[in-house]
Amino acid sequence: MSRLRAVVAKVAANWAMNREYKRTYAQLSRLTNRELADIGVRRCDIADIARKHVHQSF
């Protein structure tokens, strides 16, 4: 039974991480190129930034 709980907890954590990645990615993607430049982010770096954010948060 504890293995099942562990699997369920892992799946739930992965879903939460995926939701947070998508939320972060979407928020950054909505910014204009000028806004991204103001914060020092290139559009091609959005996926990496979102991934790093998720892994630091969890």
PDB file of N, CA and C in Angstrom:
ATOM      1  N   MET A   1       0.815  -1.198   0.000  1.00  0.00           N
ATOM      2  CA  MET A   1       0.000   0.000   0.000  1.00  0.00           C
ATOM      3  C   MET A   1       0.859   1.262   0.000  1.00  0.00           C
ATOM      4  N   SER A   2       1.988   1.208   0.695  1.00  0.00           N
ATOM      5  CA  SER A   2       2.845   2.395   0.748  1.00  0.00           C
ATOM      6  C   SER A   2       3.462   2.692  -0.616  1.00  0.00           C
ATOM      7  N   ARG A   3       3.716   1.665  -1.407  1.00  0.00           N
ATOM      8  CA  ARG A   3       4.236   1.887  -2.758  1.00  0.00           C
ATOM      9  C   ARG A   3       3.219   2.625  -3.615  1.00  0.00           C
ATOM     10  N   LEU A   4       1.969   2.241  -3.478  1.00  0.00           N
ATOM     11  CA  LEU A   4       0.913   2.904  -4.233  1.00  0.00           C
ATOM     12  C   LEU A   4       0.815   4.370  -3.833  1.00  0.00           C
ATOM     13  N   ARG A   5       0.893   4.641  -2.538  1.00  0.00           N
ATOM     14  CA  ARG A   5       0.853   6.030  -2.072  1.00  0.00           C
ATOM     15  C   ARG A   5       2.029   6.818  -2.623  1.00  0.00           C
ATOM     16  N   ALA A   6       3.187   6.187  -2.664  1.00  0.00           N
ATOM     17  CA  ALA A   6       4.377   6.856  -3.188  1.00  0.00           C
ATOM     18  C   ALA A   6       4.216   7.170  -4.668  1.00  0.00           C
ATOM     19  N   VAL A   7       3.650   6.244  -5.421  1.00  0.00           N
ATOM     20  CA  VAL A   7       3.432   6.466  -6.850  1.00  0.00           C
ATOM     21  C   VAL A   7       2.420   7.587  -7.056  1.00  0.00           C
ATOM     22  N   VAL A   8       1.357   7.565  -6.294  1.00  0.00           N
ATOM     23  CA  VAL A   8       0.329   8.607  -6.403  1.00  0.00           C
ATOM     24  C   VAL A   8       0.924   9.970  -6.038  1.00  0.00           C
ATOM     25  N   ALA A   9       1.736  10.018  -5.001  1.00  0.00           N
ATOM     26  CA  ALA A   9       2.371  11.273  -4.600  1.00  0.00           C
ATOM     27  C   ALA A   9       3.315  11.772  -5.697  1.00  0.00           C
ATOM     28  N   LYS A  10       4.056  10.868  -6.310  1.00  0.00           N
ATOM     29  CA  LYS A  10       4.982  11.244  -7.383  1.00  0.00           C
ATOM     30  C   LYS A  10       4.213  11.788  -8.591  1.00  0.00           C
ATOM     31  N   VAL A  11       3.129  11.126  -8.954  1.00  0.00           N
ATOM     32  CA  VAL A  11       2.305  11.586 -10.079  1.00  0.00           C
ATOM     33  C   VAL A  11       1.721  12.965  -9.775  1.00  0.00           C
ATOM     34  N   ALA A  12       1.237  13.148  -8.564  1.00  0.00           N
ATOM     35  CA  ALA A  12       0.667  14.440  -8.182  1.00  0.00           C
ATOM     36  C   ALA A  12       1.736  15.539  -8.236  1.00  0.00           C
ATOM     37  N   ALA A  13       2.939  15.240  -7.775  1.00  0.00           N
ATOM     38  CA  ALA A  13       4.025  16.220  -7.815  1.00  0.00           C
ATOM     39  C   ALA A  13       4.393  16.557  -9.257  1.00  0.00           C
ATOM     40  N   ASN A  14       4.438  15.548 -10.114  1.00  0.00           N
ATOM     41  CA  ASN A  14       4.753  15.794 -11.528  1.00  0.00           C
ATOM     42  C   ASN A  14       3.691  16.651 -12.193  1.00  0.00           C
ATOM     43  N   TRP A  15       2.428  16.406 -11.875  1.00  0.00           N
ATOM     44  CA  TRP A  15       1.344  17.229 -12.434  1.00  0.00           C
ATOM     45  C   TRP A  15       1.486  18.676 -11.963  1.00  0.00           C
ATOM     46  N   ALA A  16       1.792  18.851 -10.687  1.00  0.00           N
ATOM     47  CA  ALA A  16       1.952  20.204 -10.148  1.00  0.00           C
ATOM     48  C   ALA A  16       3.114  20.922 -10.832  1.00  0.00           C
ATOM     49  N   MET A  17       4.218  20.210 -11.025  1.00  0.00           N
ATOM     50  CA  MET A  17       5.369  20.799 -11.704  1.00  0.00           C
ATOM     51  C   MET A  17       5.023  21.162 -13.146  1.00  0.00           C
ATOM     52  N   ASN A  18       4.278  20.301 -13.814  1.00  0.00           N
ATOM     53  CA  ASN A  18       3.881  20.565 -15.195  1.00  0.00           C
ATOM     54  C   ASN A  18       2.970  21.791 -15.282  1.00  0.00           C
ATOM     55  N   ARG A  19       2.030  21.898 -14.355  1.00  0.00           N
ATOM     56  CA  ARG A  19       1.142  23.066 -14.328  1.00  0.00           C
ATOM     57  C   ARG A  19       1.944  24.347 -14.109  1.00  0.00           C
ATOM     58  N   GLU A  20       2.891  24.295 -13.181  1.00  0.00           N
ATOM     59  CA  GLU A  20       3.698  25.479 -12.889  1.00  0.00           C
ATOM     60  C   GLU A  20       4.577  25.851 -14.083  1.00  0.00           C
ATOM     61  N   TYR A  21       5.136  24.854 -14.756  1.00  0.00           N
ATOM     62  CA  TYR A  21       5.933  25.114 -15.956  1.00  0.00           C
ATOM     63  C   TYR A  21       5.087  25.807 -17.016  1.00  0.00           C
ATOM     64  N   LYS A  22       3.896  25.255 -17.282  1.00  0.00           N
ATOM     65  CA  LYS A  22       3.020  25.831 -18.300  1.00  0.00           C
ATOM     66  C   LYS A  22       2.589  27.248 -17.932  1.00  0.00           C
ATOM     67  N   ARG A  23       2.316  27.477 -16.642  1.00  0.00           N
ATOM     68  CA  ARG A  23       1.898  28.809 -16.191  1.00  0.00           C
ATOM     69  C   ARG A  23       3.031  29.808 -16.387  1.00  0.00           C
ATOM     70  N   THR A  24       4.233  29.438 -15.971  1.00  0.00           N
ATOM     71  CA  THR A  24       5.393  30.319 -16.105  1.00  0.00           C
ATOM     72  C   THR A  24       5.702  30.589 -17.573  1.00  0.00           C
ATOM     73  N   TYR A  25       5.688  29.536 -18.378  1.00  0.00           N
ATOM     74  CA  TYR A  25       5.961  29.670 -19.810  1.00  0.00           C
ATOM     75  C   TYR A  25       4.950  30.613 -20.461  1.00  0.00           C
ATOM     76  N   ALA A  26       3.677  30.430 -20.127  1.00  0.00           N
ATOM     77  CA  ALA A  26       2.623  31.266 -20.715  1.00  0.00           C
ATOM     78  C   ALA A  26       2.779  32.723 -20.304  1.00  0.00           C
ATOM     79  N   GLN A  27       3.104  32.958 -19.033  1.00  0.00           N
ATOM     80  CA  GLN A  27       3.255  34.334 -18.574  1.00  0.00           C
ATOM     81  C   GLN A  27       4.406  35.030 -19.290  1.00  0.00           C
ATOM     82  N   LEU A  28       5.526  34.344 -19.424  1.00  0.00           N
ATOM     83  CA  LEU A  28       6.657  34.952 -20.114  1.00  0.00           C
ATOM     84  C   LEU A  28       6.382  35.113 -21.601  1.00  0.00           C
ATOM     85  N   SER A  29       5.681  34.178 -22.194  1.00  0.00           N
ATOM     86  CA  SER A  29       5.386  34.245 -23.625  1.00  0.00           C
ATOM     87  C   SER A  29       4.470  35.408 -23.970  1.00  0.00           C
ATOM     88  N   ARG A  30       3.635  35.813 -23.017  1.00  0.00           N
ATOM     89  CA  ARG A  30       2.717  36.934 -23.264  1.00  0.00           C
ATOM     90  C   ARG A  30       3.431  38.282 -23.291  1.00  0.00           C
ATOM     91  N   LEU A  31       4.647  38.338 -22.765  1.00  0.00           N
ATOM     92  CA  LEU A  31       5.382  39.607 -22.765  1.00  0.00           C
ATOM     93  C   LEU A  31       5.856  39.946 -24.179  1.00  0.00           C
ATOM     94  N   THR A  32       5.948  41.217 -24.447  1.00  0.00           N
ATOM     95  CA  THR A  32       6.458  41.653 -25.747  1.00  0.00           C
ATOM     96  C   THR A  32       7.979  41.481 -25.753  1.00  0.00           C
ATOM     97  N   ASN A  33       8.572  41.546 -26.941  1.00  0.00           N
ATOM     98  CA  ASN A  33      10.023  41.450 -27.042  1.00  0.00           C
ATOM     99  C   ASN A  33      10.695  42.577 -26.264  1.00  0.00           C
ATOM    100  N   ARG A  34      10.099  43.747 -26.269  1.00  0.00           N
ATOM    101  CA  ARG A  34      10.649  44.892 -25.533  1.00  0.00           C
ATOM    102  C   ARG A  34      10.615  44.629 -24.029  1.00  0.00           C
ATOM    103  N   GLU A  35       9.498  44.114 -23.537  1.00  0.00           N
ATOM    104  CA  GLU A  35       9.393  43.813 -22.109  1.00  0.00           C
ATOM    105  C   GLU A  35      10.395  42.731 -21.707  1.00  0.00           C
ATOM    106  N   LEU A  36      10.545  41.732 -22.552  1.00  0.00           N
ATOM    107  CA  LEU A  36      11.528  40.685 -22.268  1.00  0.00           C
ATOM    108  C   LEU A  36      12.941  41.264 -22.243  1.00  0.00           C
ATOM    109  N   ALA A  37      13.244  42.146 -23.195  1.00  0.00           N
ATOM    110  CA  ALA A  37      14.559  42.778 -23.229  1.00  0.00           C
ATOM    111  C   ALA A  37      14.805  43.607 -21.975  1.00  0.00           C
ATOM    112  N   ASP A  38      13.764  44.263 -21.479  1.00  0.00           N
ATOM    113  CA  ASP A  38      13.895  45.076 -20.267  1.00  0.00           C
ATOM    114  C   ASP A  38      14.295  44.234 -19.052  1.00  0.00           C
ATOM    115  N   ILE A  39      13.862  42.995 -19.015  1.00  0.00           N
ATOM    116  CA  ILE A  39      14.212  42.128 -17.880  1.00  0.00           C
ATOM    117  C   ILE A  39      15.379  41.195 -18.222  1.00  0.00           C
ATOM    118  N   GLY A  40      15.953  41.374 -19.397  1.00  0.00           N
ATOM    119  CA  GLY A  40      17.140  40.619 -19.769  1.00  0.00           C
ATOM    120  C   GLY A  40      16.887  39.193 -20.203  1.00  0.00           C
ATOM    121  N   VAL A  41      15.739  38.964 -20.825  1.00  0.00           N
ATOM    122  CA  VAL A  41      15.365  37.617 -21.258  1.00  0.00           C
ATOM    123  C   VAL A  41      15.166  37.615 -22.766  1.00  0.00           C
ATOM    124  N   ARG A  42      15.740  36.618 -23.415  1.00  0.00           N
ATOM    125  CA  ARG A  42      15.485  36.436 -24.843  1.00  0.00           C
ATOM    126  C   ARG A  42      14.327  35.453 -24.993  1.00  0.00           C
ATOM    127  N   ARG A  43      13.539  35.635 -26.017  1.00  0.00           N
ATOM    128  CA  ARG A  43      12.380  34.775 -26.236  1.00  0.00           C
ATOM    129  C   ARG A  43      12.788  33.297 -26.330  1.00  0.00           C
ATOM    130  N   CYS A  44      13.934  33.032 -26.913  1.00  0.00           N
ATOM    131  CA  CYS A  44      14.382  31.638 -27.068  1.00  0.00           C
ATOM    132  C   CYS A  44      14.773  31.000 -25.737  1.00  0.00           C
ATOM    133  N   ASP A  45      14.899  31.805 -24.672  1.00  0.00           N
ATOM    134  CA  ASP A  45      15.286  31.291 -23.359  1.00  0.00           C
ATOM    135  C   ASP A  45      14.099  31.014 -22.440  1.00  0.00           C
ATOM    136  N   ILE A  46      12.895  31.304 -22.894  1.00  0.00           N
ATOM    137  CA  ILE A  46      11.720  31.182 -22.039  1.00  0.00           C
ATOM    138  C   ILE A  46      11.553  29.761 -21.515  1.00  0.00           C
ATOM    139  N   ALA A  47      11.689  28.768 -22.358  1.00  0.00           N
ATOM    140  CA  ALA A  47      11.501  27.374 -21.917  1.00  0.00           C
ATOM    141  C   ALA A  47      12.515  27.005 -20.837  1.00  0.00           C
ATOM    142  N   ASP A  48      13.771  27.401 -21.023  1.00  0.00           N
ATOM    143  CA  ASP A  48      14.800  27.096 -20.022  1.00  0.00           C
ATOM    144  C   ASP A  48      14.523  27.799 -18.697  1.00  0.00           C
ATOM    145  N   ILE A  49      14.098  29.041 -18.771  1.00  0.00           N
ATOM    146  CA  ILE A  49      13.793  29.800 -17.561  1.00  0.00           C
ATOM    147  C   ILE A  49      12.621  29.168 -16.821  1.00  0.00           C
ATOM    148  N   ALA A  50      11.585  28.790 -17.551  1.00  0.00           N
ATOM    149  CA  ALA A  50      10.421  28.155 -16.924  1.00  0.00           C
ATOM    150  C   ALA A  50      10.816  26.829 -16.273  1.00  0.00           C
ATOM    151  N   ARG A  51      11.653  26.067 -16.947  1.00  0.00           N
ATOM    152  CA  ARG A  51      12.108  24.781 -16.401  1.00  0.00           C
ATOM    153  C   ARG A  51      12.912  24.984 -15.122  1.00  0.00           C
ATOM    154  N   LYS A  52      13.838  25.950 -15.144  1.00  0.00           N
ATOM    155  CA  LYS A  52      14.649  26.219 -13.962  1.00  0.00           C
ATOM    156  C   LYS A  52      13.784  26.702 -12.806  1.00  0.00           C
ATOM    157  N   HIS A  53      12.804  27.537 -13.118  1.00  0.00           N
ATOM    158  CA  HIS A  53      11.889  28.048 -12.079  1.00  0.00           C
ATOM    159  C   HIS A  53      11.158  26.896 -11.399  1.00  0.00           C
ATOM    160  N   VAL A  54      10.669  25.962 -12.199  1.00  0.00           N
ATOM    161  CA  VAL A  54       9.922  24.834 -11.644  1.00  0.00           C
ATOM    162  C   VAL A  54      10.817  23.971 -10.757  1.00  0.00           C
ATOM    163  N   HIS A  55      12.008  23.706 -11.201  1.00  0.00           N
ATOM    164  CA  HIS A  55      12.893  22.823 -10.430  1.00  0.00           C
ATOM    165  C   HIS A  55      13.413  23.505  -9.160  1.00  0.00           C
ATOM    166  N   GLN A  56      13.473  24.832  -9.146  1.00  0.00           N
ATOM    167  CA  GLN A  56      13.874  25.538  -7.932  1.00  0.00           C
ATOM    168  C   GLN A  56      12.711  25.628  -6.955  1.00  0.00           C
ATOM    169  N   SER A  57      11.492  25.646  -7.474  1.00  0.00           N
ATOM    170  CA  SER A  57      10.310  25.802  -6.627  1.00  0.00           C
ATOM    171  C   SER A  57       9.939  24.516  -5.905  1.00  0.00           C
ATOM    172  N   PHE A  58      10.256  23.382  -6.508  1.00  0.00           N
ATOM    173  CA  PHE A  58       9.813  22.111  -5.920  1.00  0.00           C
ATOM    174  C   PHE A  58      10.946  21.354  -5.319  1.00  0.00           C
TER     175      PHE A  58
END
